[in-house]
C-alpha cells in the first residue's frame, strides 16, 4: 500500500488490491478448514465411547467343561421344548 501510495501508479494499486483479495480468500479457506477439522474431531469423539464388558471365569478346566456342557444342554432344551432327543 505504501508503494502504491508513493508511486500513484494504477498498476501498483491493482497489485495491492489483488494481494488484499488473495489474503482474504486464504483466510476464508482457513476458516472453512478449521470448521471441517472441528466437525471431524467431534465425530471421532462420539464414536470412541464404546463400552466393553469382559467375562472372566475363575476355576478349573473341569469346572468350565461342566458348565459348558450344562449350558449346551440347557440351550438344546430351550430350542426343543417338546424334550425330544436331539
N, C-alpha and C. Protein backbone atom coordinates (compact mmCIF):
# COMPACT_ATOMS: atom_id res chain seq x y z
N UNK A 1 0.82 -1.18 0.00
CA UNK A 1 0.00 0.00 0.00
C UNK A 1 0.87 1.25 0.00
N UNK A 2 2.01 1.17 0.72
CA UNK A 2 2.90 2.34 0.74
C UNK A 2 3.47 2.61 -0.65
N UNK A 3 3.88 1.53 -1.35
CA UNK A 3 4.44 1.69 -2.70
C UNK A 3 3.38 2.27 -3.63
N UNK A 4 2.15 1.76 -3.53
CA UNK A 4 1.08 2.26 -4.39
C UNK A 4 0.81 3.73 -4.10
N UNK A 5 0.87 4.10 -2.82
CA UNK A 5 0.63 5.50 -2.45
C UNK A 5 1.74 6.42 -2.91
N UNK A 6 2.97 5.92 -2.82
CA UNK A 6 4.11 6.77 -3.19
C UNK A 6 4.22 6.95 -4.71
N UNK A 7 3.93 5.89 -5.45
CA UNK A 7 4.09 5.99 -6.90
C UNK A 7 2.85 6.53 -7.59
N UNK A 8 1.72 6.38 -6.95
CA UNK A 8 0.43 6.80 -7.53
C UNK A 8 0.19 6.14 -8.88
N UNK A 9 0.72 4.94 -9.04
CA UNK A 9 0.57 4.20 -10.28
C UNK A 9 -0.68 3.32 -10.21
N UNK A 10 -1.48 3.31 -11.26
CA UNK A 10 -2.66 2.45 -11.26
C UNK A 10 -2.29 0.97 -11.14
N UNK A 11 -1.18 0.57 -11.73
CA UNK A 11 -0.74 -0.83 -11.65
C UNK A 11 -0.39 -1.19 -10.21
N UNK A 12 0.22 -0.32 -9.46
CA UNK A 12 0.57 -0.58 -8.07
C UNK A 12 -0.69 -0.76 -7.23
N UNK A 13 -1.72 0.05 -7.49
CA UNK A 13 -2.98 -0.11 -6.78
C UNK A 13 -3.66 -1.42 -7.15
N UNK A 14 -3.54 -1.81 -8.39
CA UNK A 14 -4.14 -3.07 -8.85
C UNK A 14 -3.48 -4.25 -8.15
N UNK A 15 -2.14 -4.23 -8.07
CA UNK A 15 -1.41 -5.31 -7.40
C UNK A 15 -1.77 -5.35 -5.92
N UNK A 16 -1.86 -4.19 -5.29
CA UNK A 16 -2.22 -4.14 -3.87
C UNK A 16 -3.62 -4.72 -3.65
N UNK A 17 -4.54 -4.39 -4.54
CA UNK A 17 -5.90 -4.93 -4.45
C UNK A 17 -5.92 -6.44 -4.61
N UNK A 18 -5.12 -6.94 -5.55
CA UNK A 18 -5.05 -8.39 -5.75
C UNK A 18 -4.46 -9.09 -4.53
N UNK A 19 -3.46 -8.48 -3.90
CA UNK A 19 -2.87 -9.07 -2.69
C UNK A 19 -3.88 -9.10 -1.55
N UNK A 20 -4.63 -8.03 -1.40
CA UNK A 20 -5.66 -8.00 -0.36
C UNK A 20 -6.71 -9.07 -0.61
N UNK A 21 -7.13 -9.21 -1.86
CA UNK A 21 -8.11 -10.25 -2.21
C UNK A 21 -7.55 -11.64 -1.95
N UNK A 22 -6.30 -11.84 -2.26
CA UNK A 22 -5.67 -13.14 -2.04
C UNK A 22 -5.61 -13.49 -0.56
N UNK A 23 -5.27 -12.52 0.27
CA UNK A 23 -5.23 -12.75 1.72
C UNK A 23 -6.63 -13.05 2.25
N UNK A 24 -7.62 -12.34 1.76
CA UNK A 24 -9.00 -12.58 2.20
C UNK A 24 -9.47 -13.97 1.80
N UNK A 25 -9.17 -14.39 0.58
CA UNK A 25 -9.56 -15.73 0.13
C UNK A 25 -8.88 -16.82 0.95
N UNK A 26 -7.60 -16.62 1.24
CA UNK A 26 -6.86 -17.60 2.04
C UNK A 26 -7.44 -17.68 3.45
N UNK A 27 -7.79 -16.55 4.02
CA UNK A 27 -8.40 -16.54 5.36
C UNK A 27 -9.73 -17.27 5.35
N UNK A 28 -10.53 -17.08 4.32
CA UNK A 28 -11.81 -17.76 4.20
C UNK A 28 -11.61 -19.28 4.10
N UNK A 29 -10.64 -19.69 3.31
CA UNK A 29 -10.36 -21.13 3.17
C UNK A 29 -9.88 -21.73 4.49
N UNK A 30 -9.06 -20.99 5.23
CA UNK A 30 -8.59 -21.48 6.53
C UNK A 30 -9.73 -21.62 7.53
N UNK A 31 -10.66 -20.68 7.49
CA UNK A 31 -11.82 -20.77 8.39
C UNK A 31 -12.66 -22.00 8.07
N UNK A 32 -12.87 -22.27 6.77
CA UNK A 32 -13.62 -23.46 6.37
C UNK A 32 -12.89 -24.73 6.80
N UNK A 33 -11.57 -24.74 6.64
CA UNK A 33 -10.78 -25.90 7.03
C UNK A 33 -10.87 -26.15 8.53
N UNK A 34 -10.79 -25.10 9.33
CA UNK A 34 -10.89 -25.25 10.78
C UNK A 34 -12.28 -25.77 11.18
N UNK A 35 -13.31 -25.31 10.49
CA UNK A 35 -14.66 -25.79 10.77
C UNK A 35 -14.78 -27.29 10.47
N UNK A 36 -14.21 -27.72 9.35
CA UNK A 36 -14.26 -29.14 8.98
C UNK A 36 -13.46 -29.99 9.97
N UNK A 37 -12.30 -29.49 10.39
CA UNK A 37 -11.49 -30.23 11.36
C UNK A 37 -12.25 -30.39 12.67
N UNK A 38 -12.92 -29.34 13.10
CA UNK A 38 -13.69 -29.40 14.35
C UNK A 38 -14.81 -30.42 14.24
N UNK A 39 -15.51 -30.46 13.09
CA UNK A 39 -16.58 -31.43 12.88
C UNK A 39 -16.05 -32.86 12.90
N UNK A 40 -14.91 -33.09 12.28
CA UNK A 40 -14.32 -34.43 12.26
C UNK A 40 -13.93 -34.85 13.67
N UNK A 41 -13.35 -33.95 14.44
CA UNK A 41 -12.95 -34.28 15.80
C UNK A 41 -14.17 -34.58 16.67
N UNK A 42 -15.26 -33.86 16.47
CA UNK A 42 -16.48 -34.14 17.22
C UNK A 42 -17.04 -35.51 16.85
N UNK A 43 -16.98 -35.86 15.57
CA UNK A 43 -17.47 -37.17 15.13
C UNK A 43 -16.64 -38.29 15.73
N UNK A 44 -15.32 -38.13 15.77
CA UNK A 44 -14.48 -39.18 16.33
C UNK A 44 -14.69 -39.31 17.83
N UNK A 45 -14.97 -38.22 18.52
CA UNK A 45 -15.23 -38.29 19.95
C UNK A 45 -16.53 -39.02 20.23
N UNK A 46 -17.52 -38.88 19.36
CA UNK A 46 -18.79 -39.56 19.55
C UNK A 46 -18.66 -41.05 19.34
N UNK A 47 -17.83 -41.48 18.41
CA UNK A 47 -17.74 -42.90 18.10
C UNK A 47 -16.77 -43.65 19.00
N UNK A 48 -15.96 -42.97 19.79
CA UNK A 48 -14.99 -43.67 20.61
C UNK A 48 -15.53 -44.01 22.00
N UNK A 49 -16.78 -43.72 22.29
CA UNK A 49 -17.35 -44.03 23.59
C UNK A 49 -18.00 -45.41 23.56
N UNK A 50 -17.20 -46.44 23.38
CA UNK A 50 -17.69 -47.81 23.34
C UNK A 50 -17.49 -48.45 24.70
N UNK A 51 -18.46 -49.27 25.10
CA UNK A 51 -18.38 -49.99 26.37
C UNK A 51 -18.10 -51.45 26.06
N UNK A 52 -17.08 -51.99 26.72
CA UNK A 52 -16.73 -53.38 26.52
C UNK A 52 -16.85 -54.10 27.86
N UNK A 53 -17.67 -55.12 27.89
CA UNK A 53 -17.83 -55.93 29.10
C UNK A 53 -17.13 -57.26 28.85
N UNK A 54 -16.20 -57.59 29.71
CA UNK A 54 -15.47 -58.84 29.58
C UNK A 54 -15.89 -59.78 30.70
N UNK A 55 -16.08 -61.04 30.37
CA UNK A 55 -16.41 -62.04 31.36
C UNK A 55 -15.13 -62.81 31.71
N UNK A 56 -14.98 -63.10 32.98
CA UNK A 56 -13.79 -63.80 33.44
C UNK A 56 -14.22 -65.01 34.24
N UNK A 57 -13.73 -66.17 33.88
CA UNK A 57 -14.03 -67.40 34.61
C UNK A 57 -12.84 -67.74 35.48
N UNK A 58 -13.11 -67.93 36.77
CA UNK A 58 -12.05 -68.34 37.70
C UNK A 58 -12.43 -69.73 38.19
N UNK A 59 -11.66 -70.70 37.81
CA UNK A 59 -11.92 -72.07 38.21
C UNK A 59 -11.06 -73.01 37.39
N UNK A 60 -11.30 -74.30 37.61
CA UNK A 60 -10.51 -75.30 36.89
C UNK A 60 -11.14 -75.59 35.54
N UNK A 61 -10.38 -76.28 34.71
CA UNK A 61 -10.89 -76.62 33.38
C UNK A 61 -12.03 -77.63 33.46
N UNK A 62 -12.00 -78.49 34.46
CA UNK A 62 -13.09 -79.45 34.59
C UNK A 62 -14.39 -78.74 34.98
N UNK A 63 -14.29 -77.74 35.85
CA UNK A 63 -15.48 -76.96 36.20
C UNK A 63 -16.02 -76.20 34.98
N UNK A 64 -15.11 -75.68 34.19
CA UNK A 64 -15.51 -74.96 32.99
C UNK A 64 -16.19 -75.89 32.00
N UNK A 65 -15.65 -77.08 31.81
CA UNK A 65 -16.27 -78.02 30.88
C UNK A 65 -17.64 -78.46 31.38
N UNK A 66 -17.79 -78.63 32.70
CA UNK A 66 -19.11 -78.99 33.24
C UNK A 66 -20.11 -77.88 32.98
N UNK A 67 -19.68 -76.64 33.21
CA UNK A 67 -20.58 -75.51 32.99
C UNK A 67 -20.96 -75.38 31.52
N UNK A 68 -20.00 -75.62 30.64
CA UNK A 68 -20.30 -75.55 29.21
C UNK A 68 -21.27 -76.64 28.80
N UNK A 69 -21.06 -77.85 29.31
CA UNK A 69 -21.98 -78.94 28.98
C UNK A 69 -23.38 -78.64 29.48
N UNK A 70 -23.49 -78.10 30.69
CA UNK A 70 -24.81 -77.74 31.22
C UNK A 70 -25.44 -76.64 30.37
N UNK A 71 -24.64 -75.71 29.96
CA UNK A 71 -25.15 -74.63 29.13
C UNK A 71 -25.62 -75.14 27.79
N UNK A 72 -24.88 -76.08 27.21
CA UNK A 72 -25.26 -76.66 25.93
C UNK A 72 -26.54 -77.46 26.08
N UNK A 73 -26.67 -78.23 27.16
CA UNK A 73 -27.89 -78.99 27.39
C UNK A 73 -29.07 -78.06 27.60
N UNK A 74 -28.86 -76.99 28.36
CA UNK A 74 -29.94 -76.02 28.59
C UNK A 74 -30.36 -75.37 27.28
N UNK A 75 -29.40 -75.08 26.41
CA UNK A 75 -29.72 -74.47 25.12
C UNK A 75 -30.49 -75.44 24.24
N UNK A 76 -30.15 -76.72 24.30
CA UNK A 76 -30.87 -77.71 23.49
C UNK A 76 -32.30 -77.86 23.99
N UNK A 77 -32.48 -77.85 25.33
CA UNK A 77 -33.81 -77.97 25.89
C UNK A 77 -34.65 -76.75 25.55
N UNK A 78 -34.04 -75.58 25.54
CA UNK A 78 -34.78 -74.35 25.22
C UNK A 78 -35.18 -74.34 23.75
N UNK A 79 -34.34 -74.87 22.88
CA UNK A 79 -34.65 -74.87 21.45
C UNK A 79 -35.56 -76.04 21.09
N UNK A 80 -35.69 -77.03 21.96
CA UNK A 80 -36.51 -78.21 21.71
C UNK A 80 -37.52 -78.33 22.86
N UNK A 81 -38.59 -77.58 22.87
CA UNK A 81 -39.49 -77.54 24.01
C UNK A 81 -40.25 -78.86 24.26
N UNK A 82 -40.34 -79.75 23.29
CA UNK A 82 -41.07 -81.00 23.49
C UNK A 82 -40.21 -82.08 24.13
N UNK A 83 -38.95 -81.71 24.51
CA UNK A 83 -37.99 -82.63 25.14
C UNK A 83 -37.71 -83.85 24.26
N UNK A 84 -37.72 -83.63 22.97
CA UNK A 84 -37.37 -84.72 22.04
C UNK A 84 -35.86 -84.87 22.06
N UNK A 85 -35.41 -86.11 21.81
CA UNK A 85 -33.97 -86.35 21.77
C UNK A 85 -33.37 -85.73 20.54
N UNK A 86 -32.22 -85.13 20.72
CA UNK A 86 -31.56 -84.45 19.62
C UNK A 86 -30.39 -85.26 19.16
